[in-house]
Amino acid sequence: MTDDKPKAHRAPSEMDLRVSARLKVARRAAGLTLVELAGRLGLSHQQLQKYEQGKNRISAGLLYSIASELGVSLAVFFESAQAPLETPASRARRQAVHIISRIPDAEMDRVVRVLKALCD
């Protein structure tokens, strides 16, 4: 026997809204437009916009695909909205600072010259 009653529409939870807000922040941090990310995911930009606005819930599988396209971990979507977003570039900078901090003082002048040459 099946229940033919229509399902009641559940309002989005606070976590749903947090995930939606973080999706928008992550997309912008990656430098992608709605159209670009939606195309990569096989969605319409209108559907992606509904996800970002919290109007539609995001499935776990889709959230995984979004994280992969944006180059971020799934944890990014569950952090507070005020938490800074770590992008691949910011993660690389953090790693570079850590590596440079371990270079012996005697080698630092040479490292600085190499870094300056990379910037030119």
PDB file of N, CA and C in Angstrom:
ATOM      1  N   MET A   1       0.841  -1.173   0.000  1.00  0.00           N
ATOM      2  CA  MET A   1       0.000   0.000   0.000  1.00  0.00           C
ATOM      3  C   MET A   1       0.891   1.243   0.000  1.00  0.00           C
ATOM      4  N   THR A   2       0.581   2.164  -0.855  1.00  0.00           N
ATOM      5  CA  THR A   2       1.381   3.388  -0.925  1.00  0.00           C
ATOM      6  C   THR A   2       0.598   4.552  -0.358  1.00  0.00           C
ATOM      7  N   ASP A   3       1.326   5.517   0.092  1.00  0.00           N
ATOM      8  CA  ASP A   3       0.731   6.737   0.630  1.00  0.00           C
ATOM      9  C   ASP A   3       0.616   7.738  -0.509  1.00  0.00           C
ATOM     10  N   ASP A   4      -0.612   8.074  -0.906  1.00  0.00           N
ATOM     11  CA  ASP A   4      -0.833   8.985  -2.022  1.00  0.00           C
ATOM     12  C   ASP A   4      -0.878  10.443  -1.606  1.00  0.00           C
ATOM     13  N   LYS A   5      -0.646  10.717  -0.340  1.00  0.00           N
ATOM     14  CA  LYS A   5      -0.663  12.100   0.127  1.00  0.00           C
ATOM     15  C   LYS A   5       0.544  12.847  -0.424  1.00  0.00           C
ATOM     16  N   PRO A   6       0.351  14.092  -0.852  1.00  0.00           N
ATOM     17  CA  PRO A   6       1.515  14.864  -1.311  1.00  0.00           C
ATOM     18  C   PRO A   6       2.451  15.142  -0.140  1.00  0.00           C
ATOM     19  N   LYS A   7       3.724  15.133  -0.435  1.00  0.00           N
ATOM     20  CA  LYS A   7       4.715  15.406   0.604  1.00  0.00           C
ATOM     21  C   LYS A   7       4.681  16.882   0.958  1.00  0.00           C
ATOM     22  N   ALA A   8       4.745  17.156   2.237  1.00  0.00           N
ATOM     23  CA  ALA A   8       4.784  18.548   2.690  1.00  0.00           C
ATOM     24  C   ALA A   8       6.139  19.143   2.340  1.00  0.00           C
ATOM     25  N   HIS A   9       6.127  20.378   1.895  1.00  0.00           N
ATOM     26  CA  HIS A   9       7.384  21.058   1.560  1.00  0.00           C
ATOM     27  C   HIS A   9       8.082  21.447   2.854  1.00  0.00           C
ATOM     28  N   ARG A  10       9.270  20.962   3.025  1.00  0.00           N
ATOM     29  CA  ARG A  10      10.062  21.298   4.207  1.00  0.00           C
ATOM     30  C   ARG A  10      10.850  22.556   3.934  1.00  0.00           C
ATOM     31  N   ALA A  11      10.806  23.458   4.871  1.00  0.00           N
ATOM     32  CA  ALA A  11      11.617  24.676   4.746  1.00  0.00           C
ATOM     33  C   ALA A  11      13.084  24.292   4.853  1.00  0.00           C
ATOM     34  N   PRO A  12      13.960  25.004   4.156  1.00  0.00           N
ATOM     35  CA  PRO A  12      15.388  24.679   4.250  1.00  0.00           C
ATOM     36  C   PRO A  12      15.894  24.884   5.676  1.00  0.00           C
ATOM     37  N   SER A  13      16.731  23.976   6.101  1.00  0.00           N
ATOM     38  CA  SER A  13      17.323  24.085   7.439  1.00  0.00           C
ATOM     39  C   SER A  13      18.438  25.125   7.415  1.00  0.00           C
ATOM     40  N   GLU A  14      18.920  25.456   8.583  1.00  0.00           N
ATOM     41  CA  GLU A  14      20.040  26.398   8.659  1.00  0.00           C
ATOM     42  C   GLU A  14      21.263  25.829   7.939  1.00  0.00           C
ATOM     43  N   MET A  15      21.460  24.516   8.034  1.00  0.00           N
ATOM     44  CA  MET A  15      22.594  23.886   7.348  1.00  0.00           C
ATOM     45  C   MET A  15      22.413  23.966   5.837  1.00  0.00           C
ATOM     46  N   ASP A  16      21.195  23.764   5.345  1.00  0.00           N
ATOM     47  CA  ASP A  16      20.936  23.901   3.904  1.00  0.00           C
ATOM     48  C   ASP A  16      21.322  25.299   3.432  1.00  0.00           C
ATOM     49  N   LEU A  17      20.935  26.302   4.198  1.00  0.00           N
ATOM     50  CA  LEU A  17      21.228  27.688   3.828  1.00  0.00           C
ATOM     51  C   LEU A  17      22.721  27.986   3.914  1.00  0.00           C
ATOM     52  N   ARG A  18      23.394  27.380   4.886  1.00  0.00           N
ATOM     53  CA  ARG A  18      24.844  27.575   5.006  1.00  0.00           C
ATOM     54  C   ARG A  18      25.556  26.974   3.799  1.00  0.00           C
ATOM     55  N   VAL A  19      25.164  25.758   3.425  1.00  0.00           N
ATOM     56  CA  VAL A  19      25.775  25.103   2.265  1.00  0.00           C
ATOM     57  C   VAL A  19      25.544  25.951   1.015  1.00  0.00           C
ATOM     58  N   SER A  20      24.337  26.469   0.863  1.00  0.00           N
ATOM     59  CA  SER A  20      24.017  27.310  -0.299  1.00  0.00           C
ATOM     60  C   SER A  20      24.880  28.565  -0.342  1.00  0.00           C
ATOM     61  N   ALA A  21      25.004  29.221   0.804  1.00  0.00           N
ATOM     62  CA  ALA A  21      25.805  30.452   0.865  1.00  0.00           C
ATOM     63  C   ALA A  21      27.269  30.161   0.575  1.00  0.00           C
ATOM     64  N   ARG A  22      27.781  29.061   1.118  1.00  0.00           N
ATOM     65  CA  ARG A  22      29.183  28.714   0.899  1.00  0.00           C
ATOM     66  C   ARG A  22      29.430  28.314  -0.558  1.00  0.00           C
ATOM     67  N   LEU A  23      28.436  27.728  -1.202  1.00  0.00           N
ATOM     68  CA  LEU A  23      28.560  27.388  -2.621  1.00  0.00           C
ATOM     69  C   LEU A  23      28.796  28.654  -3.438  1.00  0.00           C
ATOM     70  N   LYS A  24      28.017  29.674  -3.172  1.00  0.00           N
ATOM     71  CA  LYS A  24      28.158  30.929  -3.915  1.00  0.00           C
ATOM     72  C   LYS A  24      29.528  31.555  -3.668  1.00  0.00           C
ATOM     73  N   VAL A  25      29.971  31.552  -2.411  1.00  0.00           N
ATOM     74  CA  VAL A  25      31.284  32.111  -2.069  1.00  0.00           C
ATOM     75  C   VAL A  25      32.389  31.321  -2.769  1.00  0.00           C
ATOM     76  N   ALA A  26      32.288  29.998  -2.736  1.00  0.00           N
ATOM     77  CA  ALA A  26      33.318  29.146  -3.348  1.00  0.00           C
ATOM     78  C   ALA A  26      33.368  29.338  -4.859  1.00  0.00           C
ATOM     79  N   ARG A  27      32.205  29.453  -5.482  1.00  0.00           N
ATOM     80  CA  ARG A  27      32.168  29.668  -6.939  1.00  0.00           C
ATOM     81  C   ARG A  27      32.834  30.983  -7.303  1.00  0.00           C
ATOM     82  N   ARG A  28      32.499  32.030  -6.573  1.00  0.00           N
ATOM     83  CA  ARG A  28      33.096  33.337  -6.856  1.00  0.00           C
ATOM     84  C   ARG A  28      34.598  33.329  -6.587  1.00  0.00           C
ATOM     85  N   ALA A  29      35.019  32.658  -5.510  1.00  0.00           N
ATOM     86  CA  ALA A  29      36.450  32.582  -5.194  1.00  0.00           C
ATOM     87  C   ALA A  29      37.215  31.854  -6.293  1.00  0.00           C
ATOM     88  N   ALA A  30      36.551  30.910  -6.945  1.00  0.00           N
ATOM     89  CA  ALA A  30      37.182  30.176  -8.050  1.00  0.00           C
ATOM     90  C   ALA A  30      37.168  30.986  -9.342  1.00  0.00           C
ATOM     91  N   GLY A  31      36.501  32.139  -9.319  1.00  0.00           N
ATOM     92  CA  GLY A  31      36.459  32.995 -10.500  1.00  0.00           C
ATOM     93  C   GLY A  31      35.519  32.502 -11.585  1.00  0.00           C
ATOM     94  N   LEU A  32      34.502  31.741 -11.195  1.00  0.00           N
ATOM     95  CA  LEU A  32      33.566  31.182 -12.170  1.00  0.00           C
ATOM     96  C   LEU A  32      32.216  31.889 -12.100  1.00  0.00           C
ATOM     97  N   THR A  33      31.575  32.040 -13.244  1.00  0.00           N
ATOM     98  CA  THR A  33      30.216  32.564 -13.288  1.00  0.00           C
ATOM     99  C   THR A  33      29.236  31.415 -13.062  1.00  0.00           C
ATOM    100  N   LEU A  34      27.991  31.767 -12.820  1.00  0.00           N
ATOM    101  CA  LEU A  34      26.946  30.742 -12.712  1.00  0.00           C
ATOM    102  C   LEU A  34      26.912  29.883 -13.971  1.00  0.00           C
ATOM    103  N   VAL A  35      26.975  30.524 -15.123  1.00  0.00           N
ATOM    104  CA  VAL A  35      26.895  29.812 -16.402  1.00  0.00           C
ATOM    105  C   VAL A  35      28.070  28.843 -16.555  1.00  0.00           C
ATOM    106  N   GLU A  36      29.273  29.295 -16.202  1.00  0.00           N
ATOM    107  CA  GLU A  36      30.461  28.443 -16.356  1.00  0.00           C
ATOM    108  C   GLU A  36      30.383  27.209 -15.461  1.00  0.00           C
ATOM    109  N   LEU A  37      30.092  27.410 -14.169  1.00  0.00           N
ATOM    110  CA  LEU A  37      30.040  26.259 -13.263  1.00  0.00           C
ATOM    111  C   LEU A  37      28.874  25.346 -13.619  1.00  0.00           C
ATOM    112  N   ALA A  38      27.732  25.924 -13.928  1.00  0.00           N
ATOM    113  CA  ALA A  38      26.574  25.106 -14.300  1.00  0.00           C
ATOM    114  C   ALA A  38      26.899  24.238 -15.517  1.00  0.00           C
ATOM    115  N   GLY A  39      27.569  24.818 -16.508  1.00  0.00           N
ATOM    116  CA  GLY A  39      27.951  24.057 -17.697  1.00  0.00           C
ATOM    117  C   GLY A  39      28.857  22.889 -17.366  1.00  0.00           C
ATOM    118  N   ARG A  40      29.802  23.111 -16.483  1.00  0.00           N
ATOM    119  CA  ARG A  40      30.718  22.034 -16.081  1.00  0.00           C
ATOM    120  C   ARG A  40      29.988  20.911 -15.355  1.00  0.00           C
ATOM    121  N   LEU A  41      28.900  21.278 -14.666  1.00  0.00           N
ATOM    122  CA  LEU A  41      28.152  20.297 -13.876  1.00  0.00           C
ATOM    123  C   LEU A  41      26.992  19.675 -14.652  1.00  0.00           C
ATOM    124  N   GLY A  42      26.732  20.190 -15.863  1.00  0.00           N
ATOM    125  CA  GLY A  42      25.610  19.688 -16.645  1.00  0.00           C
ATOM    126  C   GLY A  42      24.265  20.184 -16.129  1.00  0.00           C
ATOM    127  N   LEU A  43      24.261  21.366 -15.532  1.00  0.00           N
ATOM    128  CA  LEU A  43      23.042  21.974 -15.000  1.00  0.00           C
ATOM    129  C   LEU A  43      22.734  23.251 -15.765  1.00  0.00           C
ATOM    130  N   SER A  44      21.515  23.727 -15.636  1.00  0.00           N
ATOM    131  CA  SER A  44      21.208  25.062 -16.151  1.00  0.00           C
ATOM    132  C   SER A  44      21.698  26.078 -15.120  1.00  0.00           C
ATOM    133  N   HIS A  45      22.003  27.283 -15.587  1.00  0.00           N
ATOM    134  CA  HIS A  45      22.457  28.283 -14.623  1.00  0.00           C
ATOM    135  C   HIS A  45      21.317  28.661 -13.672  1.00  0.00           C
ATOM    136  N   GLN A  46      20.070  28.514 -14.119  1.00  0.00           N
ATOM    137  CA  GLN A  46      18.931  28.794 -13.249  1.00  0.00           C
ATOM    138  C   GLN A  46      18.865  27.794 -12.095  1.00  0.00           C
ATOM    139  N   GLN A  47      19.139  26.522 -12.401  1.00  0.00           N
ATOM    140  CA  GLN A  47      19.125  25.502 -11.350  1.00  0.00           C
ATOM    141  C   GLN A  47      20.240  25.763 -10.348  1.00  0.00           C
ATOM    142  N   LEU A  48      21.428  26.085 -10.837  1.00  0.00           N
ATOM    143  CA  LEU A  48      22.538  26.377  -9.932  1.00  0.00           C
ATOM    144  C   LEU A  48      22.207  27.588  -9.065  1.00  0.00           C
ATOM    145  N   GLN A  49      21.558  28.568  -9.646  1.00  0.00           N
ATOM    146  CA  GLN A  49      21.164  29.756  -8.882  1.00  0.00           C
ATOM    147  C   GLN A  49      20.189  29.377  -7.762  1.00  0.00           C
ATOM    148  N   LYS A  50      19.276  28.460  -8.030  1.00  0.00           N
ATOM    149  CA  LYS A  50      18.347  27.998  -6.994  1.00  0.00           C
ATOM    150  C   LYS A  50      19.104  27.311  -5.862  1.00  0.00           C
ATOM    151  N   TYR A  51      20.140  26.544  -6.207  1.00  0.00           N
ATOM    152  CA  TYR A  51      20.962  25.924  -5.166  1.00  0.00           C
ATOM    153  C   TYR A  51      21.654  26.993  -4.328  1.00  0.00           C
ATOM    154  N   GLU A  52      22.215  27.996  -4.982  1.00  0.00           N
ATOM    155  CA  GLU A  52      22.931  29.056  -4.268  1.00  0.00           C
ATOM    156  C   GLU A  52      22.006  29.890  -3.389  1.00  0.00           C
ATOM    157  N   GLN A  53      20.763  30.022  -3.782  1.00  0.00           N
ATOM    158  CA  GLN A  53      19.800  30.813  -3.015  1.00  0.00           C
ATOM    159  C   GLN A  53      19.111  29.997  -1.927  1.00  0.00           C
ATOM    160  N   GLY A  54      19.383  28.701  -1.883  1.00  0.00           N
ATOM    161  CA  GLY A  54      18.765  27.849  -0.875  1.00  0.00           C
ATOM    162  C   GLY A  54      17.334  27.462  -1.202  1.00  0.00           C
ATOM    163  N   LYS A  55      16.909  27.697  -2.440  1.00  0.00           N
ATOM    164  CA  LYS A  55      15.543  27.348  -2.843  1.00  0.00           C
ATOM    165  C   LYS A  55      15.409  25.851  -3.098  1.00  0.00           C
ATOM    166  N   ASN A  56      16.479  25.224  -3.566  1.00  0.00           N
ATOM    167  CA  ASN A  56      16.522  23.779  -3.786  1.00  0.00           C
ATOM    168  C   ASN A  56      17.677  23.197  -2.981  1.00  0.00           C
ATOM    169  N   ARG A  57      17.453  22.009  -2.444  1.00  0.00           N
ATOM    170  CA  ARG A  57      18.513  21.336  -1.691  1.00  0.00           C
ATOM    171  C   ARG A  57      19.499  20.673  -2.651  1.00  0.00           C
ATOM    172  N   ILE A  58      20.730  20.568  -2.187  1.00  0.00           N
ATOM    173  CA  ILE A  58      21.800  19.982  -2.997  1.00  0.00           C
ATOM    174  C   ILE A  58      22.048  18.560  -2.515  1.00  0.00           C
ATOM    175  N   SER A  59      22.022  17.598  -3.422  1.00  0.00           N
ATOM    176  CA  SER A  59      22.288  16.209  -3.042  1.00  0.00           C
ATOM    177  C   SER A  59      23.763  16.036  -2.700  1.00  0.00           C
ATOM    178  N   ALA A  60      24.054  14.979  -1.968  1.00  0.00           N
ATOM    179  CA  ALA A  60      25.442  14.697  -1.586  1.00  0.00           C
ATOM    180  C   ALA A  60      26.312  14.478  -2.822  1.00  0.00           C
ATOM    181  N   GLY A  61      25.787  13.764  -3.798  1.00  0.00           N
ATOM    182  CA  GLY A  61      26.553  13.502  -5.017  1.00  0.00           C
ATOM    183  C   GLY A  61      26.866  14.764  -5.790  1.00  0.00           C
ATOM    184  N   LEU A  62      25.884  15.641  -5.895  1.00  0.00           N
ATOM    185  CA  LEU A  62      26.104  16.903  -6.597  1.00  0.00           C
ATOM    186  C   LEU A  62      27.079  17.781  -5.824  1.00  0.00           C
ATOM    187  N   LEU A  63      26.960  17.803  -4.504  1.00  0.00           N
ATOM    188  CA  LEU A  63      27.876  18.605  -3.699  1.00  0.00           C
ATOM    189  C   LEU A  63      29.312  18.118  -3.888  1.00  0.00           C
ATOM    190  N   TYR A  64      29.492  16.804  -3.989  1.00  0.00           N
ATOM    191  CA  TYR A  64      30.821  16.242  -4.237  1.00  0.00           C
ATOM    192  C   TYR A  64      31.348  16.705  -5.599  1.00  0.00           C
ATOM    193  N   SER A  65      30.492  16.683  -6.618  1.00  0.00           N
ATOM    194  CA  SER A  65      30.898  17.139  -7.954  1.00  0.00           C
ATOM    195  C   SER A  65      31.254  18.621  -7.953  1.00  0.00           C
ATOM    196  N   ILE A  66      30.469  19.417  -7.236  1.00  0.00           N
ATOM    197  CA  ILE A  66      30.739  20.853  -7.140  1.00  0.00           C
ATOM    198  C   ILE A  66      32.089  21.087  -6.478  1.00  0.00           C
ATOM    199  N   ALA A  67      32.340  20.396  -5.367  1.00  0.00           N
ATOM    200  CA  ALA A  67      33.618  20.548  -4.666  1.00  0.00           C
ATOM    201  C   ALA A  67      34.776  20.183  -5.587  1.00  0.00           C
ATOM    202  N   SER A  68      34.628  19.114  -6.352  1.00  0.00           N
ATOM    203  CA  SER A  68      35.682  18.698  -7.282  1.00  0.00           C
ATOM    204  C   SER A  68      35.926  19.756  -8.348  1.00  0.00           C
ATOM    205  N   GLU A  69      34.866  20.303  -8.913  1.00  0.00           N
ATOM    206  CA  GLU A  69      35.002  21.340  -9.951  1.00  0.00           C
ATOM    207  C   GLU A  69      35.652  22.606  -9.411  1.00  0.00           C
ATOM    208  N   LEU A  70      35.354  22.934  -8.152  1.00  0.00           N
ATOM    209  CA  LEU A  70      35.891  24.157  -7.561  1.00  0.00           C
ATOM    210  C   LEU A  70      37.261  23.950  -6.920  1.00  0.00           C
ATOM    211  N   GLY A  71      37.685  22.700  -6.796  1.00  0.00           N
ATOM    212  CA  GLY A  71      38.985  22.411  -6.198  1.00  0.00           C
ATOM    213  C   GLY A  71      39.022  22.664  -4.703  1.00  0.00           C
ATOM    214  N   VAL A  72      37.895  22.420  -4.026  1.00  0.00           N
ATOM    215  CA  VAL A  72      37.828  22.616  -2.578  1.00  0.00           C
ATOM    216  C   VAL A  72      37.375  21.323  -1.922  1.00  0.00           C
ATOM    217  N   SER A  73      37.570  21.230  -0.619  1.00  0.00           N
ATOM    218  CA  SER A  73      37.108  20.047   0.102  1.00  0.00           C
ATOM    219  C   SER A  73      35.630  20.200   0.433  1.00  0.00           C
ATOM    220  N   LEU A  74      34.970  19.092   0.678  1.00  0.00           N
ATOM    221  CA  LEU A  74      33.561  19.135   1.067  1.00  0.00           C
ATOM    222  C   LEU A  74      33.363  19.915   2.359  1.00  0.00           C
ATOM    223  N   ALA A  75      34.355  19.900   3.230  1.00  0.00           N
ATOM    224  CA  ALA A  75      34.247  20.595   4.519  1.00  0.00           C
ATOM    225  C   ALA A  75      33.995  22.086   4.344  1.00  0.00           C
ATOM    226  N   VAL A  76      34.445  22.655   3.240  1.00  0.00           N
ATOM    227  CA  VAL A  76      34.256  24.087   2.973  1.00  0.00           C
ATOM    228  C   VAL A  76      32.781  24.468   3.057  1.00  0.00           C
ATOM    229  N   PHE A  77      31.904  23.590   2.623  1.00  0.00           N
ATOM    230  CA  PHE A  77      30.479  23.907   2.567  1.00  0.00           C
ATOM    231  C   PHE A  77      29.799  23.871   3.930  1.00  0.00           C
ATOM    232  N   PHE A  78      30.479  23.312   4.920  1.00  0.00           N
ATOM    233  CA  PHE A  78      29.868  23.167   6.237  1.00  0.00           C
ATOM    234  C   PHE A  78      30.467  24.099   7.281  1.00  0.00           C
ATOM    235  N   GLU A  79      31.442  24.897   6.878  1.00  0.00           N
ATOM    236  CA  GLU A  79      32.035  25.872   7.790  1.00  0.00           C
ATOM    237  C   GLU A  79      31.095  27.056   7.924  1.00  0.00           C
ATOM    238  N   SER A  80      31.336  27.875   8.941  1.00  0.00           N
ATOM    239  CA  SER A  80      30.485  29.056   9.111  1.00  0.00           C
ATOM    240  C   SER A  80      30.672  29.988   7.923  1.00  0.00           C
ATOM    241  N   ALA A  81      29.666  30.780   7.661  1.00  0.00           N
ATOM    242  CA  ALA A  81      29.705  31.697   6.518  1.00  0.00           C
ATOM    243  C   ALA A  81      30.826  32.710   6.652  1.00  0.00           C
ATOM    244  N   GLN A  82      31.274  32.983   7.876  1.00  0.00           N
ATOM    245  CA  GLN A  82      32.337  33.959   8.073  1.00  0.00           C
ATOM    246  C   GLN A  82      33.731  33.351   7.928  1.00  0.00           C
ATOM    247  N   ALA A  83      33.819  32.023   7.927  1.00  0.00           N
ATOM    248  CA  ALA A  83      35.128  31.373   7.823  1.00  0.00           C
ATOM    249  C   ALA A  83      35.729  31.668   6.457  1.00  0.00           C
ATOM    250  N   PRO A  84      37.009  32.023   6.421  1.00  0.00           N
ATOM    251  CA  PRO A  84      37.629  32.296   5.125  1.00  0.00           C
ATOM    252  C   PRO A  84      37.663  31.031   4.274  1.00  0.00           C
ATOM    253  N   LEU A  85      37.499  31.205   3.003  1.00  0.00           N
ATOM    254  CA  LEU A  85      37.478  30.083   2.079  1.00  0.00           C
ATOM    255  C   LEU A  85      38.883  29.798   1.585  1.00  0.00           C
ATOM    256  N   GLU A  86      39.323  28.553   1.734  1.00  0.00           N
ATOM    257  CA  GLU A  86      40.646  28.195   1.235  1.00  0.00           C
ATOM    258  C   GLU A  86      40.501  27.701  -0.198  1.00  0.00           C
ATOM    259  N   THR A  87      41.108  28.417  -1.102  1.00  0.00           N
ATOM    260  CA  THR A  87      41.107  28.051  -2.513  1.00  0.00           C
ATOM    261  C   THR A  87      42.404  27.303  -2.812  1.00  0.00           C
ATOM    262  N   PRO A  88      42.511  26.666  -3.971  1.00  0.00           N
ATOM    263  CA  PRO A  88      43.780  26.020  -4.310  1.00  0.00           C
ATOM    264  C   PRO A  88      44.955  26.998  -4.261  1.00  0.00           C
ATOM    265  N   ALA A  89      44.743  28.240  -4.696  1.00  0.00           N
ATOM    266  CA  ALA A  89      45.829  29.231  -4.674  1.00  0.00           C
ATOM    267  C   ALA A  89      46.213  29.600  -3.248  1.00  0.00           C
ATOM    268  N   SER A  90      45.222  29.797  -2.376  1.00  0.00           N
ATOM    269  CA  SER A  90      45.563  30.167  -0.999  1.00  0.00           C
ATOM    270  C   SER A  90      46.214  28.997  -0.267  1.00  0.00           C
ATOM    271  N   ARG A  91      45.797  27.778  -0.590  1.00  0.00           N
ATOM    272  CA  ARG A  91      46.414  26.591   0.007  1.00  0.00           C
ATOM    273  C   ARG A  91      47.875  26.488  -0.447  1.00  0.00           C
ATOM    274  N   ALA A  92      48.130  26.756  -1.730  1.00  0.00           N
ATOM    275  CA  ALA A  92      49.501  26.709  -2.255  1.00  0.00           C
ATOM    276  C   ALA A  92      50.366  27.780  -1.600  1.00  0.00           C
ATOM    277  N   ARG A  93      49.796  28.984  -1.403  1.00  0.00           N
ATOM    278  CA  ARG A  93      50.557  30.050  -0.731  1.00  0.00           C
ATOM    279  C   ARG A  93      50.931  29.643   0.691  1.00  0.00           C
ATOM    280  N   ARG A  94      49.959  29.060   1.396  1.00  0.00           N
ATOM    281  CA  ARG A  94      50.218  28.623   2.776  1.00  0.00           C
ATOM    282  C   ARG A  94      51.326  27.569   2.796  1.00  0.00           C
ATOM    283  N   GLN A  95      51.285  26.639   1.862  1.00  0.00           N
ATOM    284  CA  GLN A  95      52.323  25.607   1.787  1.00  0.00           C
ATOM    285  C   GLN A  95      53.676  26.225   1.452  1.00  0.00           C
ATOM    286  N   ALA A  96      53.687  27.208   0.546  1.00  0.00           N
ATOM    287  CA  ALA A  96      54.943  27.870   0.169  1.00  0.00           C
ATOM    288  C   ALA A  96      55.560  28.581   1.363  1.00  0.00           C
ATOM    289  N   VAL A  97      54.736  29.273   2.134  1.00  0.00           N
ATOM    290  CA  VAL A  97      55.246  29.966   3.327  1.00  0.00           C
ATOM    291  C   VAL A  97      55.843  28.957   4.297  1.00  0.00           C
ATOM    292  N   HIS A  98      55.172  27.837   4.477  1.00  0.00           N
ATOM    293  CA  HIS A  98      55.683  26.805   5.386  1.00  0.00           C
ATOM    294  C   HIS A  98      57.029  26.262   4.888  1.00  0.00           C
ATOM    295  N   ILE A  99      57.125  26.005   3.609  1.00  0.00           N
ATOM    296  CA  ILE A  99      58.373  25.477   3.040  1.00  0.00           C
ATOM    297  C   ILE A  99      59.490  26.507   3.164  1.00  0.00           C
ATOM    298  N   ILE A 100      59.191  27.758   2.816  1.00  0.00           N
ATOM    299  CA  ILE A 100      60.210  28.814   2.881  1.00  0.00           C
ATOM    300  C   ILE A 100      60.699  29.013   4.308  1.00  0.00           C
ATOM    301  N   SER A 101      59.809  28.865   5.273  1.00  0.00           N
ATOM    302  CA  SER A 101      60.224  29.053   6.674  1.00  0.00           C
ATOM    303  C   SER A 101      61.229  27.996   7.122  1.00  0.00           C
ATOM    304  N   ARG A 102      61.336  26.903   6.404  1.00  0.00           N
ATOM    305  CA  ARG A 102      62.278  25.830   6.764  1.00  0.00           C
ATOM    306  C   ARG A 102      63.615  25.943   6.036  1.00  0.00           C
ATOM    307  N   ILE A 103      63.755  26.900   5.130  1.00  0.00           N
ATOM    308  CA  ILE A 103      65.000  27.059   4.375  1.00  0.00           C
ATOM    309  C   ILE A 103      66.058  27.678   5.286  1.00  0.00           C
ATOM    310  N   PRO A 104      67.259  27.121   5.276  1.00  0.00           N
ATOM    311  CA  PRO A 104      68.335  27.680   6.116  1.00  0.00           C
ATOM    312  C   PRO A 104      68.644  29.127   5.718  1.00  0.00           C
ATOM    313  N   ASP A 105      69.007  29.940   6.691  1.00  0.00           N
ATOM    314  CA  ASP A 105      69.307  31.357   6.453  1.00  0.00           C
ATOM    315  C   ASP A 105      70.359  31.546   5.363  1.00  0.00           C
ATOM    316  N   ALA A 106      71.335  30.667   5.316  1.00  0.00           N
ATOM    317  CA  ALA A 106      72.418  30.794   4.339  1.00  0.00           C
ATOM    318  C   ALA A 106      71.906  30.696   2.895  1.00  0.00           C
ATOM    319  N   GLU A 107      70.796  30.056   2.691  1.00  0.00           N
ATOM    320  CA  GLU A 107      70.233  29.870   1.346  1.00  0.00           C
ATOM    321  C   GLU A 107      69.160  30.905   1.001  1.00  0.00           C
ATOM    322  N   MET A 108      68.757  31.723   1.959  1.00  0.00           N
ATOM    323  CA  MET A 108      67.608  32.608   1.761  1.00  0.00           C
ATOM    324  C   MET A 108      67.813  33.632   0.645  1.00  0.00           C
ATOM    325  N   ASP A 109      69.004  34.214   0.512  1.00  0.00           N
ATOM    326  CA  ASP A 109      69.242  35.186  -0.563  1.00  0.00           C
ATOM    327  C   ASP A 109      69.013  34.554  -1.934  1.00  0.00           C
ATOM    328  N   ARG A 110      69.478  33.347  -2.101  1.00  0.00           N
ATOM    329  CA  ARG A 110      69.301  32.652  -3.376  1.00  0.00           C
ATOM    330  C   ARG A 110      67.816  32.369  -3.644  1.00  0.00           C
ATOM    331  N   VAL A 111      67.103  31.972  -2.618  1.00  0.00           N
ATOM    332  CA  VAL A 111      65.667  31.707  -2.755  1.00  0.00           C
ATOM    333  C   VAL A 111      64.922  32.982  -3.154  1.00  0.00           C
ATOM    334  N   VAL A 112      65.266  34.098  -2.532  1.00  0.00           N
ATOM    335  CA  VAL A 112      64.619  35.374  -2.848  1.00  0.00           C
ATOM    336  C   VAL A 112      64.878  35.749  -4.305  1.00  0.00           C
ATOM    337  N   ARG A 113      66.094  35.533  -4.791  1.00  0.00           N
ATOM    338  CA  ARG A 113      66.403  35.835  -6.197  1.00  0.00           C
ATOM    339  C   ARG A 113      65.553  34.975  -7.137  1.00  0.00           C
ATOM    340  N   VAL A 114      65.422  33.716  -6.816  1.00  0.00           N
ATOM    341  CA  VAL A 114      64.610  32.814  -7.645  1.00  0.00           C
ATOM    342  C   VAL A 114      63.148  33.266  -7.643  1.00  0.00           C
ATOM    343  N   LEU A 115      62.630  33.611  -6.477  1.00  0.00           N
ATOM    344  CA  LEU A 115      61.239  34.054  -6.384  1.00  0.00           C
ATOM    345  C   LEU A 115      61.014  35.349  -7.166  1.00  0.00           C
ATOM    346  N   LYS A 116      61.955  36.277  -7.070  1.00  0.00           N
ATOM    347  CA  LYS A 116      61.843  37.528  -7.832  1.00  0.00           C
ATOM    348  C   LYS A 116      61.856  37.248  -9.327  1.00  0.00           C
ATOM    349  N   ALA A 117      62.700  36.321  -9.751  1.00  0.00           N
ATOM    350  CA  ALA A 117      62.776  35.975 -11.172  1.00  0.00           C
ATOM    351  C   ALA A 117      61.452  35.369 -11.655  1.00  0.00           C
ATOM    352  N   LEU A 118      60.806  34.593 -10.816  1.00  0.00           N
ATOM    353  CA  LEU A 118      59.518  34.004 -11.181  1.00  0.00           C
ATOM    354  C   LEU A 118      58.434  35.066 -11.355  1.00  0.00           C
ATOM    355  N   CYS A 119      58.557  36.153 -10.623  1.00  0.00           N
ATOM    356  CA  CYS A 119      57.552  37.227 -10.683  1.00  0.00           C
ATOM    357  C   CYS A 119      57.740  38.134 -11.886  1.00  0.00           C
ATOM    358  N   ASP A 120      58.913  38.149 -12.472  1.00  0.00           N
ATOM    359  CA  ASP A 120      59.194  39.046 -13.610  1.00  0.00           C
ATOM    360  C   ASP A 120      58.719  38.482 -14.922  1.00  0.00           C
TER     361      ASP A 120
END
